[in-house]
Amino acid sequence: MRETGHYTEEYIPSFVEKWDSLIDWEKRTESEGNFFIDLLRMWGVRSVLDVATGTGFHSVRLLDAGFETVSADGSADMLERAFKNGAQYGGHILRVVRADWRWLSRDVHGEYDAIVCLGNSFTHLFSERDRRKALAEFYAMLKHDGILVLDQRNYDAMLDDRYTSKQRYYYCGEDVVVEPDHVDEGLCRMRYSFPDDSRTTSTCSRCGRITPGD
């Protein structure tokens, strides 16, 4: 499946329930440190729109650090879990909004000092048109001197059969096995194996970026 929005069929409640064990909040905090927090502070950021909230890891960390944060995601199940995690892990009431990046300004209001799209999330956009539309929406919601922060896996390395997962950054859970299920020129499907012998997959676009030179 190579269509934008397919993630809504993959991130079903049974997978969302296991997402926190997959990323392991404590270990991810240790491995990531204050990298993103320091970056935002360096740019004088106060307000942040987290457009790929997931179960709320980065939103909670940003709130803990004192940033005014709005949390958006395309999955209602992820947002429900994020809202619960906000109260559990930081005593926060998250401001959550369900939104599709391609029409972000329709559902999320205001302008922000920074927009963050972390956790390899931008690769859920498969077409060049969708990526450009989402980036245009991000730009429209940034203040004139705002910044956009994206992170993404090195899919070129994975295509060259050099995939090695030390599970130090994206997925830090020790009891979960993460490995490629399929990789080609345009798609990467990751497989997650859990201690209860259940398995699930998530599909991303290897070309989750604007073509160089455009």
N, C-alpha and C. Protein backbone atom coordinates (compact mmCIF):
# COMPACT_ATOMS: atom_id res chain seq x y z
N MET A 1 0.85 -1.19 0.00
CA MET A 1 0.00 0.00 0.00
C MET A 1 0.89 1.24 0.00
N ARG A 2 0.71 2.09 -0.99
CA ARG A 2 1.57 3.27 -1.14
C ARG A 2 0.72 4.53 -1.20
N GLU A 3 -0.22 4.65 -0.28
CA GLU A 3 -1.10 5.81 -0.27
C GLU A 3 -0.96 6.56 1.05
N THR A 4 -0.91 7.89 0.94
CA THR A 4 -0.91 8.73 2.13
C THR A 4 -2.16 8.45 2.93
N GLY A 5 -2.00 8.33 4.23
CA GLY A 5 -3.16 8.06 5.09
C GLY A 5 -3.30 6.60 5.45
N HIS A 6 -2.46 5.73 4.85
CA HIS A 6 -2.56 4.31 5.16
C HIS A 6 -2.27 4.03 6.63
N TYR A 7 -1.51 4.93 7.27
CA TYR A 7 -1.17 4.74 8.68
C TYR A 7 -2.42 4.64 9.56
N THR A 8 -3.51 5.26 9.13
CA THR A 8 -4.74 5.21 9.95
C THR A 8 -5.29 3.80 10.04
N GLU A 9 -4.93 2.95 9.06
CA GLU A 9 -5.35 1.56 9.10
C GLU A 9 -4.35 0.69 9.86
N GLU A 10 -3.13 1.18 10.01
CA GLU A 10 -2.11 0.40 10.72
C GLU A 10 -2.08 0.72 12.21
N TYR A 11 -2.26 1.99 12.56
CA TYR A 11 -2.21 2.37 13.97
C TYR A 11 -3.56 2.14 14.62
N ILE A 12 -3.95 0.87 14.67
CA ILE A 12 -5.20 0.46 15.29
C ILE A 12 -5.01 0.42 16.81
N PRO A 13 -6.11 0.39 17.57
CA PRO A 13 -5.98 0.44 19.04
C PRO A 13 -5.02 -0.59 19.63
N SER A 14 -5.01 -1.81 19.11
CA SER A 14 -4.13 -2.84 19.67
C SER A 14 -2.66 -2.50 19.48
N PHE A 15 -2.32 -1.79 18.39
CA PHE A 15 -0.95 -1.35 18.16
C PHE A 15 -0.63 -0.13 19.00
N VAL A 16 -1.56 0.80 19.08
CA VAL A 16 -1.35 2.01 19.87
C VAL A 16 -1.11 1.65 21.34
N GLU A 17 -1.81 0.65 21.83
CA GLU A 17 -1.64 0.22 23.22
C GLU A 17 -0.22 -0.25 23.50
N LYS A 18 0.48 -0.72 22.48
CA LYS A 18 1.83 -1.24 22.66
C LYS A 18 2.90 -0.21 22.27
N TRP A 19 2.48 0.93 21.79
CA TRP A 19 3.44 1.91 21.27
C TRP A 19 4.41 2.39 22.35
N ASP A 20 3.91 2.61 23.56
CA ASP A 20 4.79 3.12 24.62
C ASP A 20 5.84 2.10 25.03
N SER A 21 5.49 0.82 24.96
CA SER A 21 6.50 -0.20 25.26
C SER A 21 7.52 -0.28 24.13
N LEU A 22 7.10 0.11 22.94
CA LEU A 22 8.00 0.11 21.80
C LEU A 22 9.03 1.22 21.92
N ILE A 23 8.59 2.41 22.31
CA ILE A 23 9.55 3.53 22.37
C ILE A 23 10.22 3.63 23.74
N ASP A 24 9.57 3.16 24.81
CA ASP A 24 10.11 3.21 26.17
C ASP A 24 10.49 4.64 26.54
N TRP A 25 9.56 5.35 27.17
CA TRP A 25 9.75 6.77 27.46
C TRP A 25 11.02 7.06 28.24
N GLU A 26 11.29 6.26 29.26
CA GLU A 26 12.46 6.53 30.10
C GLU A 26 13.76 6.39 29.33
N LYS A 27 13.89 5.30 28.57
CA LYS A 27 15.13 5.07 27.82
C LYS A 27 15.27 6.06 26.67
N ARG A 28 14.14 6.42 26.07
CA ARG A 28 14.22 7.39 24.97
C ARG A 28 14.64 8.76 25.49
N THR A 29 14.16 9.10 26.68
CA THR A 29 14.57 10.37 27.29
C THR A 29 16.07 10.37 27.54
N GLU A 30 16.61 9.25 28.02
CA GLU A 30 18.04 9.16 28.28
C GLU A 30 18.85 9.27 26.99
N SER A 31 18.41 8.60 25.94
CA SER A 31 19.19 8.58 24.70
C SER A 31 19.08 9.90 23.93
N GLU A 32 17.90 10.51 23.95
CA GLU A 32 17.69 11.75 23.21
C GLU A 32 18.21 12.97 23.95
N GLY A 33 18.19 12.88 25.28
CA GLY A 33 18.63 14.01 26.08
C GLY A 33 17.80 15.25 25.82
N ASN A 34 18.44 16.42 25.82
CA ASN A 34 17.74 17.68 25.59
C ASN A 34 18.00 18.22 24.19
N PHE A 35 18.30 17.33 23.23
CA PHE A 35 18.68 17.78 21.91
C PHE A 35 17.65 18.74 21.30
N PHE A 36 16.41 18.31 21.22
CA PHE A 36 15.38 19.15 20.59
C PHE A 36 15.03 20.36 21.46
N ILE A 37 15.02 20.17 22.77
CA ILE A 37 14.72 21.27 23.68
C ILE A 37 15.78 22.37 23.56
N ASP A 38 17.04 21.97 23.55
CA ASP A 38 18.13 22.95 23.41
C ASP A 38 18.06 23.65 22.05
N LEU A 39 17.72 22.90 21.02
CA LEU A 39 17.61 23.49 19.68
C LEU A 39 16.54 24.57 19.65
N LEU A 40 15.39 24.28 20.22
CA LEU A 40 14.29 25.25 20.23
C LEU A 40 14.64 26.47 21.08
N ARG A 41 15.28 26.24 22.19
CA ARG A 41 15.68 27.37 23.04
C ARG A 41 16.71 28.25 22.33
N MET A 42 17.60 27.63 21.58
CA MET A 42 18.61 28.39 20.86
C MET A 42 17.97 29.36 19.88
N TRP A 43 16.82 29.01 19.34
CA TRP A 43 16.11 29.85 18.39
C TRP A 43 15.07 30.74 19.06
N GLY A 44 15.06 30.76 20.38
CA GLY A 44 14.16 31.64 21.09
C GLY A 44 12.69 31.26 20.99
N VAL A 45 12.44 29.98 20.83
CA VAL A 45 11.07 29.49 20.65
C VAL A 45 10.30 29.50 21.96
N ARG A 46 9.04 29.90 21.87
CA ARG A 46 8.13 29.81 23.02
C ARG A 46 6.94 28.91 22.72
N SER A 47 6.35 29.07 21.54
CA SER A 47 5.17 28.28 21.19
C SER A 47 5.55 27.22 20.16
N VAL A 48 5.03 25.99 20.37
CA VAL A 48 5.37 24.86 19.50
C VAL A 48 4.11 24.12 19.10
N LEU A 49 4.04 23.75 17.83
CA LEU A 49 3.00 22.86 17.34
C LEU A 49 3.65 21.52 17.03
N ASP A 50 3.28 20.51 17.79
CA ASP A 50 3.80 19.16 17.59
C ASP A 50 2.81 18.44 16.67
N VAL A 51 3.15 18.34 15.38
CA VAL A 51 2.18 17.84 14.40
C VAL A 51 2.18 16.32 14.27
N ALA A 52 3.07 15.63 14.98
CA ALA A 52 3.10 14.17 14.96
C ALA A 52 3.19 13.66 16.39
N THR A 53 2.19 14.00 17.16
CA THR A 53 2.23 13.76 18.61
C THR A 53 2.37 12.30 18.98
N GLY A 54 1.73 11.42 18.23
CA GLY A 54 1.75 10.01 18.61
C GLY A 54 1.14 9.84 19.99
N THR A 55 1.83 9.14 20.86
CA THR A 55 1.33 8.95 22.22
C THR A 55 1.80 10.04 23.18
N GLY A 56 2.40 11.11 22.63
CA GLY A 56 2.65 12.29 23.43
C GLY A 56 4.03 12.48 23.99
N PHE A 57 4.98 11.64 23.61
CA PHE A 57 6.30 11.72 24.23
C PHE A 57 6.91 13.11 24.12
N HIS A 58 7.03 13.63 22.91
CA HIS A 58 7.68 14.93 22.75
C HIS A 58 6.81 16.07 23.26
N SER A 59 5.52 15.97 23.13
CA SER A 59 4.64 17.02 23.66
C SER A 59 4.81 17.17 25.16
N VAL A 60 4.87 16.05 25.86
CA VAL A 60 5.05 16.09 27.31
C VAL A 60 6.41 16.67 27.67
N ARG A 61 7.44 16.28 26.95
CA ARG A 61 8.77 16.81 27.22
C ARG A 61 8.82 18.32 26.96
N LEU A 62 8.17 18.76 25.91
CA LEU A 62 8.15 20.19 25.61
C LEU A 62 7.39 20.97 26.68
N LEU A 63 6.29 20.43 27.15
CA LEU A 63 5.54 21.07 28.22
C LEU A 63 6.37 21.12 29.51
N ASP A 64 7.05 20.02 29.81
CA ASP A 64 7.91 19.98 30.99
C ASP A 64 8.98 21.08 30.92
N ALA A 65 9.44 21.36 29.70
CA ALA A 65 10.51 22.35 29.51
C ALA A 65 9.97 23.78 29.46
N GLY A 66 8.65 23.93 29.54
CA GLY A 66 8.08 25.27 29.61
C GLY A 66 7.57 25.84 28.30
N PHE A 67 7.55 25.06 27.23
CA PHE A 67 7.05 25.55 25.95
C PHE A 67 5.52 25.49 25.90
N GLU A 68 4.91 26.49 25.30
CA GLU A 68 3.48 26.44 25.02
C GLU A 68 3.28 25.47 23.86
N THR A 69 2.58 24.39 24.10
CA THR A 69 2.55 23.30 23.12
C THR A 69 1.13 22.89 22.76
N VAL A 70 0.89 22.76 21.46
CA VAL A 70 -0.35 22.19 20.95
C VAL A 70 0.00 20.87 20.26
N SER A 71 -0.77 19.84 20.49
CA SER A 71 -0.45 18.49 20.03
C SER A 71 -1.45 18.04 18.98
N ALA A 72 -0.96 17.76 17.78
CA ALA A 72 -1.83 17.31 16.69
C ALA A 72 -1.38 15.96 16.17
N ASP A 73 -2.34 15.19 15.67
CA ASP A 73 -2.03 13.89 15.08
C ASP A 73 -3.22 13.49 14.21
N GLY A 74 -2.96 12.62 13.25
CA GLY A 74 -4.03 12.16 12.38
C GLY A 74 -4.79 10.98 12.93
N SER A 75 -4.29 10.39 14.02
CA SER A 75 -4.91 9.21 14.61
C SER A 75 -5.62 9.57 15.91
N ALA A 76 -6.91 9.33 15.95
CA ALA A 76 -7.68 9.62 17.17
C ALA A 76 -7.23 8.72 18.32
N ASP A 77 -6.86 7.49 18.02
CA ASP A 77 -6.40 6.56 19.06
C ASP A 77 -5.09 7.03 19.67
N MET A 78 -4.20 7.56 18.82
CA MET A 78 -2.94 8.09 19.34
C MET A 78 -3.20 9.29 20.25
N LEU A 79 -4.09 10.17 19.83
CA LEU A 79 -4.38 11.36 20.64
C LEU A 79 -5.02 11.00 21.97
N GLU A 80 -5.86 9.99 21.96
CA GLU A 80 -6.48 9.56 23.21
C GLU A 80 -5.41 9.07 24.18
N ARG A 81 -4.46 8.28 23.66
CA ARG A 81 -3.37 7.79 24.50
C ARG A 81 -2.47 8.94 24.95
N ALA A 82 -2.20 9.89 24.05
CA ALA A 82 -1.36 11.04 24.38
C ALA A 82 -1.98 11.85 25.51
N PHE A 83 -3.28 12.06 25.45
CA PHE A 83 -3.96 12.83 26.49
C PHE A 83 -3.81 12.15 27.85
N LYS A 84 -3.96 10.84 27.88
CA LYS A 84 -3.79 10.09 29.13
C LYS A 84 -2.34 10.15 29.60
N ASN A 85 -1.39 10.03 28.67
CA ASN A 85 0.02 10.08 29.04
C ASN A 85 0.42 11.45 29.56
N GLY A 86 -0.20 12.50 29.03
CA GLY A 86 0.10 13.85 29.50
C GLY A 86 -0.19 13.99 30.98
N ALA A 87 -1.32 13.44 31.40
CA ALA A 87 -1.68 13.49 32.82
C ALA A 87 -0.82 12.56 33.65
N GLN A 88 -0.51 11.38 33.10
CA GLN A 88 0.23 10.38 33.86
C GLN A 88 1.69 10.74 34.05
N TYR A 89 2.34 11.20 32.99
CA TYR A 89 3.78 11.42 33.03
C TYR A 89 4.19 12.83 33.43
N GLY A 90 3.32 13.79 33.24
CA GLY A 90 3.73 15.15 33.57
C GLY A 90 2.70 15.99 34.29
N GLY A 91 1.52 15.41 34.52
CA GLY A 91 0.46 16.18 35.15
C GLY A 91 -0.06 17.28 34.25
N HIS A 92 0.03 17.08 32.93
CA HIS A 92 -0.39 18.09 31.97
C HIS A 92 -1.74 17.74 31.36
N ILE A 93 -2.50 18.76 31.00
CA ILE A 93 -3.70 18.58 30.19
C ILE A 93 -3.33 18.99 28.77
N LEU A 94 -3.09 18.02 27.91
CA LEU A 94 -2.65 18.31 26.56
C LEU A 94 -3.77 18.96 25.75
N ARG A 95 -3.39 19.93 24.94
CA ARG A 95 -4.31 20.55 23.97
C ARG A 95 -4.17 19.75 22.69
N VAL A 96 -5.06 18.80 22.47
CA VAL A 96 -4.93 17.87 21.34
C VAL A 96 -5.91 18.23 20.24
N VAL A 97 -5.45 18.04 19.00
CA VAL A 97 -6.27 18.32 17.82
C VAL A 97 -6.01 17.22 16.80
N ARG A 98 -7.09 16.62 16.30
CA ARG A 98 -6.93 15.65 15.22
C ARG A 98 -6.87 16.42 13.91
N ALA A 99 -5.81 16.21 13.14
CA ALA A 99 -5.63 17.00 11.93
C ALA A 99 -4.83 16.23 10.89
N ASP A 100 -5.18 16.45 9.64
CA ASP A 100 -4.42 15.96 8.49
C ASP A 100 -3.48 17.09 8.08
N TRP A 101 -2.20 16.80 7.93
CA TRP A 101 -1.22 17.85 7.62
C TRP A 101 -1.56 18.61 6.36
N ARG A 102 -2.18 17.93 5.41
CA ARG A 102 -2.47 18.57 4.13
C ARG A 102 -3.51 19.69 4.26
N TRP A 103 -4.27 19.64 5.35
CA TRP A 103 -5.27 20.68 5.62
C TRP A 103 -5.13 21.14 7.07
N LEU A 104 -3.89 21.31 7.50
CA LEU A 104 -3.58 21.58 8.89
C LEU A 104 -4.25 22.85 9.40
N SER A 105 -4.19 23.92 8.62
CA SER A 105 -4.73 25.20 9.06
C SER A 105 -6.25 25.19 9.18
N ARG A 106 -6.89 24.19 8.61
CA ARG A 106 -8.34 24.05 8.74
C ARG A 106 -8.74 23.65 10.15
N ASP A 107 -7.89 22.84 10.79
CA ASP A 107 -8.24 22.27 12.09
C ASP A 107 -7.45 22.86 13.25
N VAL A 108 -6.25 23.36 12.96
CA VAL A 108 -5.41 23.95 14.00
C VAL A 108 -5.30 25.44 13.73
N HIS A 109 -5.43 26.25 14.77
CA HIS A 109 -5.45 27.69 14.57
C HIS A 109 -4.24 28.36 15.22
N GLY A 110 -3.90 29.54 14.72
CA GLY A 110 -2.80 30.31 15.29
C GLY A 110 -1.51 30.16 14.52
N GLU A 111 -0.50 30.90 14.95
CA GLU A 111 0.85 30.82 14.40
C GLU A 111 1.81 30.44 15.51
N TYR A 112 2.90 29.78 15.13
CA TYR A 112 3.80 29.21 16.13
C TYR A 112 5.25 29.58 15.84
N ASP A 113 6.03 29.63 16.91
CA ASP A 113 7.46 29.88 16.76
C ASP A 113 8.16 28.68 16.12
N ALA A 114 7.61 27.48 16.37
CA ALA A 114 8.22 26.27 15.82
C ALA A 114 7.14 25.22 15.57
N ILE A 115 7.37 24.44 14.53
CA ILE A 115 6.59 23.23 14.27
C ILE A 115 7.57 22.07 14.27
N VAL A 116 7.25 21.03 15.02
CA VAL A 116 8.10 19.84 15.05
C VAL A 116 7.32 18.66 14.50
N CYS A 117 8.00 17.88 13.67
CA CYS A 117 7.43 16.68 13.07
C CYS A 117 8.48 15.58 13.25
N LEU A 118 8.40 14.88 14.37
CA LEU A 118 9.47 13.99 14.78
C LEU A 118 9.05 12.52 14.67
N GLY A 119 10.00 11.64 14.98
CA GLY A 119 9.71 10.22 14.99
C GLY A 119 9.53 9.61 13.60
N ASN A 120 10.21 10.18 12.60
CA ASN A 120 10.14 9.63 11.25
C ASN A 120 8.73 9.74 10.66
N SER A 121 7.94 10.67 11.16
CA SER A 121 6.52 10.73 10.82
C SER A 121 6.25 11.27 9.42
N PHE A 122 7.07 12.19 8.94
CA PHE A 122 6.81 12.83 7.66
C PHE A 122 6.79 11.82 6.51
N THR A 123 7.43 10.68 6.70
CA THR A 123 7.50 9.67 5.65
C THR A 123 6.16 8.96 5.42
N HIS A 124 5.15 9.28 6.22
CA HIS A 124 3.82 8.72 5.95
C HIS A 124 3.16 9.39 4.75
N LEU A 125 3.79 10.43 4.23
CA LEU A 125 3.30 11.08 3.01
C LEU A 125 4.01 10.46 1.82
N PHE A 126 3.26 9.82 0.93
CA PHE A 126 3.88 9.05 -0.14
C PHE A 126 4.06 9.82 -1.44
N SER A 127 3.21 10.79 -1.70
CA SER A 127 3.32 11.48 -2.98
C SER A 127 3.99 12.83 -2.83
N GLU A 128 4.67 13.26 -3.90
CA GLU A 128 5.33 14.57 -3.91
C GLU A 128 4.30 15.68 -3.66
N ARG A 129 3.14 15.52 -4.25
CA ARG A 129 2.09 16.53 -4.09
C ARG A 129 1.68 16.66 -2.64
N ASP A 130 1.51 15.54 -1.95
CA ASP A 130 1.11 15.58 -0.54
C ASP A 130 2.20 16.19 0.33
N ARG A 131 3.46 15.88 0.01
CA ARG A 131 4.55 16.44 0.80
C ARG A 131 4.62 17.95 0.63
N ARG A 132 4.46 18.41 -0.60
CA ARG A 132 4.49 19.85 -0.84
C ARG A 132 3.30 20.55 -0.17
N LYS A 133 2.14 19.91 -0.21
CA LYS A 133 0.97 20.50 0.42
C LYS A 133 1.17 20.60 1.92
N ALA A 134 1.69 19.55 2.54
CA ALA A 134 1.93 19.58 3.98
C ALA A 134 2.95 20.64 4.36
N LEU A 135 4.04 20.73 3.60
CA LEU A 135 5.06 21.73 3.89
C LEU A 135 4.51 23.15 3.75
N ALA A 136 3.64 23.34 2.77
CA ALA A 136 3.01 24.65 2.60
C ALA A 136 2.14 25.00 3.80
N GLU A 137 1.44 24.00 4.34
CA GLU A 137 0.61 24.21 5.52
C GLU A 137 1.48 24.52 6.74
N PHE A 138 2.59 23.81 6.87
CA PHE A 138 3.52 24.09 7.97
C PHE A 138 4.00 25.54 7.89
N TYR A 139 4.42 25.91 6.69
CA TYR A 139 4.95 27.26 6.48
C TYR A 139 3.91 28.32 6.82
N ALA A 140 2.67 28.07 6.45
CA ALA A 140 1.60 29.04 6.68
C ALA A 140 1.31 29.24 8.17
N MET A 141 1.65 28.24 8.98
CA MET A 141 1.35 28.32 10.40
C MET A 141 2.54 28.73 11.25
N LEU A 142 3.67 28.98 10.59
CA LEU A 142 4.85 29.47 11.30
C LEU A 142 4.88 30.99 11.32
N LYS A 143 5.37 31.55 12.40
CA LYS A 143 5.62 32.99 12.44
C LYS A 143 6.74 33.31 11.45
N HIS A 144 6.90 34.58 11.12
CA HIS A 144 7.82 34.96 10.04
C HIS A 144 9.25 34.49 10.28
N ASP A 145 9.64 34.33 11.55
CA ASP A 145 10.99 33.86 11.85
C ASP A 145 10.96 32.49 12.52
N GLY A 146 9.87 31.75 12.29
CA GLY A 146 9.72 30.44 12.92
C GLY A 146 10.58 29.37 12.27
N ILE A 147 10.68 28.23 12.92
CA ILE A 147 11.50 27.12 12.40
C ILE A 147 10.68 25.83 12.33
N LEU A 148 11.03 24.99 11.38
CA LEU A 148 10.43 23.68 11.21
C LEU A 148 11.50 22.63 11.47
N VAL A 149 11.19 21.65 12.32
CA VAL A 149 12.14 20.59 12.65
C VAL A 149 11.55 19.25 12.22
N LEU A 150 12.23 18.58 11.30
CA LEU A 150 11.84 17.25 10.82
C LEU A 150 12.97 16.28 11.10
N ASP A 151 12.64 15.05 11.43
CA ASP A 151 13.67 14.01 11.46
C ASP A 151 13.19 12.81 10.66
N GLN A 152 14.14 12.03 10.15
CA GLN A 152 13.81 10.94 9.24
C GLN A 152 14.90 9.88 9.27
N ARG A 153 14.49 8.63 9.10
CA ARG A 153 15.45 7.54 9.01
C ARG A 153 16.31 7.67 7.75
N ASN A 154 17.47 7.02 7.79
CA ASN A 154 18.34 6.97 6.62
C ASN A 154 17.94 5.76 5.77
N TYR A 155 16.93 5.97 4.90
CA TYR A 155 16.43 4.87 4.10
C TYR A 155 17.40 4.45 3.01
N ASP A 156 18.26 5.36 2.57
CA ASP A 156 19.26 4.99 1.57
C ASP A 156 20.19 3.91 2.13
N ALA A 157 20.56 4.06 3.39
CA ALA A 157 21.42 3.06 4.02
C ALA A 157 20.69 1.73 4.15
N MET A 158 19.40 1.79 4.49
CA MET A 158 18.63 0.56 4.62
C MET A 158 18.51 -0.16 3.28
N LEU A 159 18.37 0.61 2.21
CA LEU A 159 18.26 0.02 0.88
C LEU A 159 19.56 -0.67 0.48
N ASP A 160 20.67 -0.20 1.03
CA ASP A 160 21.97 -0.81 0.75
C ASP A 160 22.27 -1.97 1.68
N ASP A 161 21.23 -2.45 2.38
CA ASP A 161 21.37 -3.60 3.29
C ASP A 161 22.30 -3.31 4.45
N ARG A 162 22.29 -2.08 4.89
CA ARG A 162 23.14 -1.74 6.02
C ARG A 162 22.28 -1.36 7.23
N TYR A 163 21.10 -1.96 7.34
CA TYR A 163 20.23 -1.65 8.47
C TYR A 163 20.74 -2.32 9.74
N THR A 164 20.96 -1.53 10.75
CA THR A 164 21.29 -2.05 12.07
C THR A 164 20.50 -1.23 13.08
N SER A 165 19.77 -1.89 13.93
CA SER A 165 18.98 -1.18 14.93
C SER A 165 19.55 -1.44 16.32
N LYS A 166 20.14 -0.40 16.89
CA LYS A 166 20.60 -0.50 18.26
C LYS A 166 19.49 -0.09 19.23
N GLN A 167 18.34 0.30 18.65
CA GLN A 167 17.17 0.70 19.43
C GLN A 167 17.54 1.73 20.49
N ARG A 168 18.21 2.79 20.04
CA ARG A 168 18.66 3.83 20.95
C ARG A 168 17.87 5.12 20.81
N TYR A 169 17.17 5.32 19.68
CA TYR A 169 16.53 6.61 19.45
C TYR A 169 15.04 6.48 19.20
N TYR A 170 14.65 5.97 18.03
CA TYR A 170 13.22 5.85 17.74
C TYR A 170 12.55 4.83 18.66
N TYR A 171 13.10 3.62 18.65
CA TYR A 171 12.50 2.53 19.40
C TYR A 171 13.49 2.04 20.44
N CYS A 172 13.19 2.30 21.69
CA CYS A 172 14.13 1.98 22.76
C CYS A 172 13.69 0.80 23.62
N GLY A 173 12.51 0.27 23.37
CA GLY A 173 12.02 -0.85 24.17
C GLY A 173 12.89 -2.08 24.01
N GLU A 174 13.34 -2.64 25.10
CA GLU A 174 14.26 -3.77 25.05
C GLU A 174 13.58 -5.07 24.67
N ASP A 175 12.28 -5.19 24.91
CA ASP A 175 11.57 -6.44 24.66
C ASP A 175 10.88 -6.49 23.32
N VAL A 176 11.15 -5.50 22.47
CA VAL A 176 10.53 -5.42 21.16
C VAL A 176 11.60 -5.53 20.08
N VAL A 177 11.35 -6.38 19.09
CA VAL A 177 12.28 -6.55 17.98
C VAL A 177 11.76 -5.73 16.80
N VAL A 178 12.60 -4.84 16.27
CA VAL A 178 12.23 -3.98 15.14
C VAL A 178 13.15 -4.28 13.98
N GLU A 179 12.57 -4.59 12.82
CA GLU A 179 13.38 -4.91 11.65
C GLU A 179 12.59 -4.63 10.37
N PRO A 180 13.30 -4.41 9.27
CA PRO A 180 12.59 -4.16 8.01
C PRO A 180 11.86 -5.41 7.54
N ASP A 181 10.64 -5.24 7.10
CA ASP A 181 9.86 -6.32 6.52
C ASP A 181 9.95 -6.26 5.00
N HIS A 182 10.10 -5.03 4.48
CA HIS A 182 10.25 -4.83 3.04
C HIS A 182 10.82 -3.45 2.80
N VAL A 183 11.80 -3.36 1.91
CA VAL A 183 12.37 -2.07 1.52
C VAL A 183 12.58 -2.07 0.01
N ASP A 184 12.07 -1.04 -0.69
CA ASP A 184 12.37 -0.88 -2.10
C ASP A 184 12.64 0.59 -2.38
N GLU A 185 12.66 0.99 -3.64
CA GLU A 185 13.03 2.35 -3.99
C GLU A 185 12.06 3.40 -3.44
N GLY A 186 10.83 3.00 -3.16
CA GLY A 186 9.85 3.99 -2.72
C GLY A 186 9.14 3.69 -1.42
N LEU A 187 9.38 2.50 -0.84
CA LEU A 187 8.61 2.11 0.34
C LEU A 187 9.47 1.37 1.35
N CYS A 188 9.16 1.58 2.61
CA CYS A 188 9.78 0.81 3.69
C CYS A 188 8.68 0.36 4.65
N ARG A 189 8.59 -0.92 4.86
CA ARG A 189 7.63 -1.46 5.83
C ARG A 189 8.40 -2.11 6.97
N MET A 190 8.21 -1.58 8.17
CA MET A 190 8.90 -2.10 9.36
C MET A 190 8.01 -3.10 10.08
N ARG A 191 8.63 -4.13 10.64
CA ARG A 191 7.91 -5.15 11.39
C ARG A 191 8.30 -5.07 12.86
N TYR A 192 7.30 -5.12 13.73
CA TYR A 192 7.51 -5.06 15.18
C TYR A 192 7.03 -6.36 15.80
N SER A 193 7.91 -7.01 16.55
CA SER A 193 7.57 -8.27 17.22
C SER A 193 7.61 -8.05 18.73
N PHE A 194 6.51 -8.37 19.39
CA PHE A 194 6.36 -8.11 20.81
C PHE A 194 6.49 -9.39 21.64
N PRO A 195 6.73 -9.24 22.95
CA PRO A 195 6.94 -10.41 23.81
C PRO A 195 5.78 -11.40 23.83
N ASP A 196 4.56 -10.94 23.54
CA ASP A 196 3.41 -11.85 23.54
C ASP A 196 3.25 -12.58 22.21
N ASP A 197 4.31 -12.53 21.38
CA ASP A 197 4.35 -13.20 20.08
C ASP A 197 3.47 -12.53 19.03
N SER A 198 2.92 -11.38 19.33
CA SER A 198 2.15 -10.65 18.33
C SER A 198 3.10 -9.84 17.45
N ARG A 199 2.67 -9.58 16.23
CA ARG A 199 3.47 -8.81 15.28
C ARG A 199 2.57 -7.80 14.57
N THR A 200 3.18 -6.70 14.19
CA THR A 200 2.46 -5.70 13.39
C THR A 200 3.47 -4.96 12.53
N THR A 201 2.98 -4.19 11.59
CA THR A 201 3.86 -3.47 10.69
C THR A 201 3.41 -2.02 10.54
N SER A 202 4.33 -1.16 10.13
CA SER A 202 3.99 0.21 9.73
C SER A 202 4.73 0.51 8.43
N THR A 203 4.08 1.26 7.56
CA THR A 203 4.59 1.50 6.22
C THR A 203 4.90 2.97 6.02
N CYS A 204 6.08 3.25 5.49
CA CYS A 204 6.51 4.63 5.25
C CYS A 204 7.07 4.77 3.85
N SER A 205 7.08 6.00 3.36
CA SER A 205 7.68 6.29 2.08
C SER A 205 9.17 6.53 2.25
N ARG A 206 9.99 5.82 1.47
CA ARG A 206 11.43 6.06 1.51
C ARG A 206 11.75 7.45 0.98
N CYS A 207 10.89 7.99 0.14
CA CYS A 207 11.13 9.29 -0.48
C CYS A 207 10.35 10.38 0.25
N GLY A 208 10.36 10.37 1.56
CA GLY A 208 9.62 11.35 2.33
C GLY A 208 10.33 12.68 2.40
N ARG A 209 10.66 13.25 1.27
CA ARG A 209 11.37 14.51 1.22
C ARG A 209 11.12 15.17 -0.14
N ILE A 210 11.36 16.44 -0.22
CA ILE A 210 11.28 17.14 -1.49
C ILE A 210 12.48 16.76 -2.35
N THR A 211 12.26 16.52 -3.63
CA THR A 211 13.34 16.12 -4.53
C THR A 211 14.46 17.17 -4.52
N PRO A 212 15.72 16.78 -4.32
CA PRO A 212 16.83 17.73 -4.32
C PRO A 212 16.82 18.59 -5.57
N GLY A 213 17.02 19.88 -5.38
CA GLY A 213 17.06 20.80 -6.51
C GLY A 213 15.74 21.47 -6.80
N ASP A 214 14.63 20.94 -6.25
CA ASP A 214 13.32 21.55 -6.46
C ASP A 214 13.07 22.68 -5.49
